[in-house]
Amino acid sequence: MICITWMRTLRYKILIRPETDGTYTVIVPSLPGCLTFGDTIEEALEMAKEAIDVYIESLISRGKEIPIEEDQIEATITVEANA
């Protein structure tokens, strides 16, 4: 039996949040629960790639659909608040 695997390049937007302890948290909004952190931005980015890979592998092993961001609209809203 021959198993053929197709590779597809997927792109995900991430949010990088600096923490008070000097580390960086990375959140992948399109992959619920997919988050990681690093001591530097570079390390956080590498950890994000690894977290996304593991997340997608988990979806595949469970026969779940892999979310893609092709149909999403991105926008930033600025508001003024008296805080």
C-alpha atoms as a PDB file:
ATOM      1  CA  MET A   1       0.000   0.000   0.000  1.00  0.00           C
ATOM      2  CA  ILE A   2       1.321   3.429  -0.950  1.00  0.00           C
ATOM      3  CA  CYS A   3       0.426   6.461   1.127  1.00  0.00           C
ATOM      4  CA  ILE A   4       0.657   9.796  -0.652  1.00  0.00           C
ATOM      5  CA  THR A   5       0.836  12.929   1.444  1.00  0.00           C
ATOM      6  CA  TRP A   6       0.143  16.345  -0.080  1.00  0.00           C
ATOM      7  CA  MET A   7       1.929  19.360   1.315  1.00  0.00           C
ATOM      8  CA  ARG A   8       0.135  22.675   1.376  1.00  0.00           C
ATOM      9  CA  THR A   9       1.484  25.990   2.579  1.00  0.00           C
ATOM     10  CA  LEU A  10      -0.833  27.548   5.138  1.00  0.00           C
ATOM     11  CA  ARG A  11      -0.537  31.048   6.576  1.00  0.00           C
ATOM     12  CA  TYR A  12      -1.914  32.083   9.949  1.00  0.00           C
ATOM     13  CA  LYS A  13      -2.091  35.498  11.534  1.00  0.00           C
ATOM     14  CA  ILE A  14      -0.696  35.604  15.047  1.00  0.00           C
ATOM     15  CA  LEU A  15      -0.901  38.074  17.901  1.00  0.00           C
ATOM     16  CA  ILE A  16       2.253  38.724  19.912  1.00  0.00           C
ATOM     17  CA  ARG A  17       1.705  40.179  23.366  1.00  0.00           C
ATOM     18  CA  PRO A  18       4.596  41.386  25.542  1.00  0.00           C
ATOM     19  CA  GLU A  19       4.194  40.254  29.149  1.00  0.00           C
ATOM     20  CA  THR A  20       5.215  42.091  32.309  1.00  0.00           C
ATOM     21  CA  ASP A  21       7.964  39.533  32.995  1.00  0.00           C
ATOM     22  CA  GLY A  22       9.683  40.322  29.671  1.00  0.00           C
ATOM     23  CA  THR A  23       8.444  37.242  27.803  1.00  0.00           C
ATOM     24  CA  TYR A  24       6.140  37.204  24.774  1.00  0.00           C
ATOM     25  CA  THR A  25       2.867  35.308  24.409  1.00  0.00           C
ATOM     26  CA  VAL A  26       1.737  34.257  20.934  1.00  0.00           C
ATOM     27  CA  ILE A  27      -1.928  33.566  20.152  1.00  0.00           C
ATOM     28  CA  VAL A  28      -3.199  32.048  16.890  1.00  0.00           C
ATOM     29  CA  PRO A  29      -6.809  33.325  16.662  1.00  0.00           C
ATOM     30  CA  SER A  30      -7.871  30.942  13.872  1.00  0.00           C
ATOM     31  CA  LEU A  31      -6.758  27.914  15.896  1.00  0.00           C
ATOM     32  CA  PRO A  32      -8.721  28.034  19.183  1.00  0.00           C
ATOM     33  CA  GLY A  33      -6.500  27.249  22.154  1.00  0.00           C
ATOM     34  CA  CYS A  34      -3.286  27.442  20.133  1.00  0.00           C
ATOM     35  CA  LEU A  35      -0.904  29.632  22.072  1.00  0.00           C
ATOM     36  CA  THR A  36       2.673  29.595  23.190  1.00  0.00           C
ATOM     37  CA  PHE A  37       5.388  31.916  24.486  1.00  0.00           C
ATOM     38  CA  GLY A  38       9.070  32.717  24.247  1.00  0.00           C
ATOM     39  CA  ASP A  39      11.723  34.707  26.069  1.00  0.00           C
ATOM     40  CA  THR A  40      12.333  36.799  22.933  1.00  0.00           C
ATOM     41  CA  ILE A  41      10.189  37.663  19.929  1.00  0.00           C
ATOM     42  CA  GLU A  42      12.346  35.387  17.771  1.00  0.00           C
ATOM     43  CA  GLU A  43      11.911  32.480  20.178  1.00  0.00           C
ATOM     44  CA  ALA A  44       8.168  33.171  20.409  1.00  0.00           C
ATOM     45  CA  LEU A  45       7.891  33.024  16.607  1.00  0.00           C
ATOM     46  CA  GLU A  46       9.746  29.701  16.469  1.00  0.00           C
ATOM     47  CA  MET A  47       7.556  28.328  19.241  1.00  0.00           C
ATOM     48  CA  ALA A  48       4.472  29.527  17.331  1.00  0.00           C
ATOM     49  CA  LYS A  49       5.533  27.555  14.241  1.00  0.00           C
ATOM     50  CA  GLU A  50       5.965  24.455  16.377  1.00  0.00           C
ATOM     51  CA  ALA A  51       2.615  24.983  18.156  1.00  0.00           C
ATOM     52  CA  ILE A  52       0.807  25.406  14.815  1.00  0.00           C
ATOM     53  CA  ASP A  53       2.443  22.251  13.423  1.00  0.00           C
ATOM     54  CA  VAL A  54       1.411  20.218  16.467  1.00  0.00           C
ATOM     55  CA  TYR A  55      -2.110  21.685  16.397  1.00  0.00           C
ATOM     56  CA  ILE A  56      -2.575  20.786  12.719  1.00  0.00           C
ATOM     57  CA  GLU A  57      -1.123  17.289  13.223  1.00  0.00           C
ATOM     58  CA  SER A  58      -3.643  16.780  16.042  1.00  0.00           C
ATOM     59  CA  LEU A  59      -6.525  17.865  13.799  1.00  0.00           C
ATOM     60  CA  ILE A  60      -5.386  15.510  11.029  1.00  0.00           C
ATOM     61  CA  SER A  61      -5.001  12.550  13.395  1.00  0.00           C
ATOM     62  CA  ARG A  62      -8.566  13.108  14.654  1.00  0.00           C
ATOM     63  CA  GLY A  63      -9.983  13.527  11.150  1.00  0.00           C
ATOM     64  CA  LYS A  64     -10.907  17.169  11.768  1.00  0.00           C
ATOM     65  CA  GLU A  65     -10.939  19.962   9.209  1.00  0.00           C
ATOM     66  CA  ILE A  66      -7.943  22.299   9.178  1.00  0.00           C
ATOM     67  CA  PRO A  67      -9.031  25.953   9.511  1.00  0.00           C
ATOM     68  CA  ILE A  68      -7.767  28.285   6.812  1.00  0.00           C
ATOM     69  CA  GLU A  69      -7.811  32.065   6.736  1.00  0.00           C
ATOM     70  CA  GLU A  70      -8.516  32.653   3.048  1.00  0.00           C
ATOM     71  CA  ASP A  71     -12.037  33.999   3.586  1.00  0.00           C
ATOM     72  CA  GLN A  72     -11.287  36.261   6.536  1.00  0.00           C
ATOM     73  CA  ILE A  73     -11.365  40.032   6.595  1.00  0.00           C
ATOM     74  CA  GLU A  74      -8.844  41.772   8.801  1.00  0.00           C
ATOM     75  CA  ALA A  75      -9.462  45.203  10.274  1.00  0.00           C
ATOM     76  CA  THR A  76      -8.240  47.340  13.144  1.00  0.00           C
ATOM     77  CA  ILE A  77     -10.620  49.604  15.014  1.00  0.00           C
ATOM     78  CA  THR A  78      -9.448  52.579  17.071  1.00  0.00           C
ATOM     79  CA  VAL A  79     -11.664  53.934  19.837  1.00  0.00           C
ATOM     80  CA  GLU A  80     -11.222  56.668  22.376  1.00  0.00           C
ATOM     81  CA  ALA A  81     -12.005  55.818  25.964  1.00  0.00           C
ATOM     82  CA  ASN A  82     -11.944  57.770  29.197  1.00  0.00           C
ATOM     83  CA  ALA A  83     -10.101  55.197  31.244  1.00  0.00           C
END
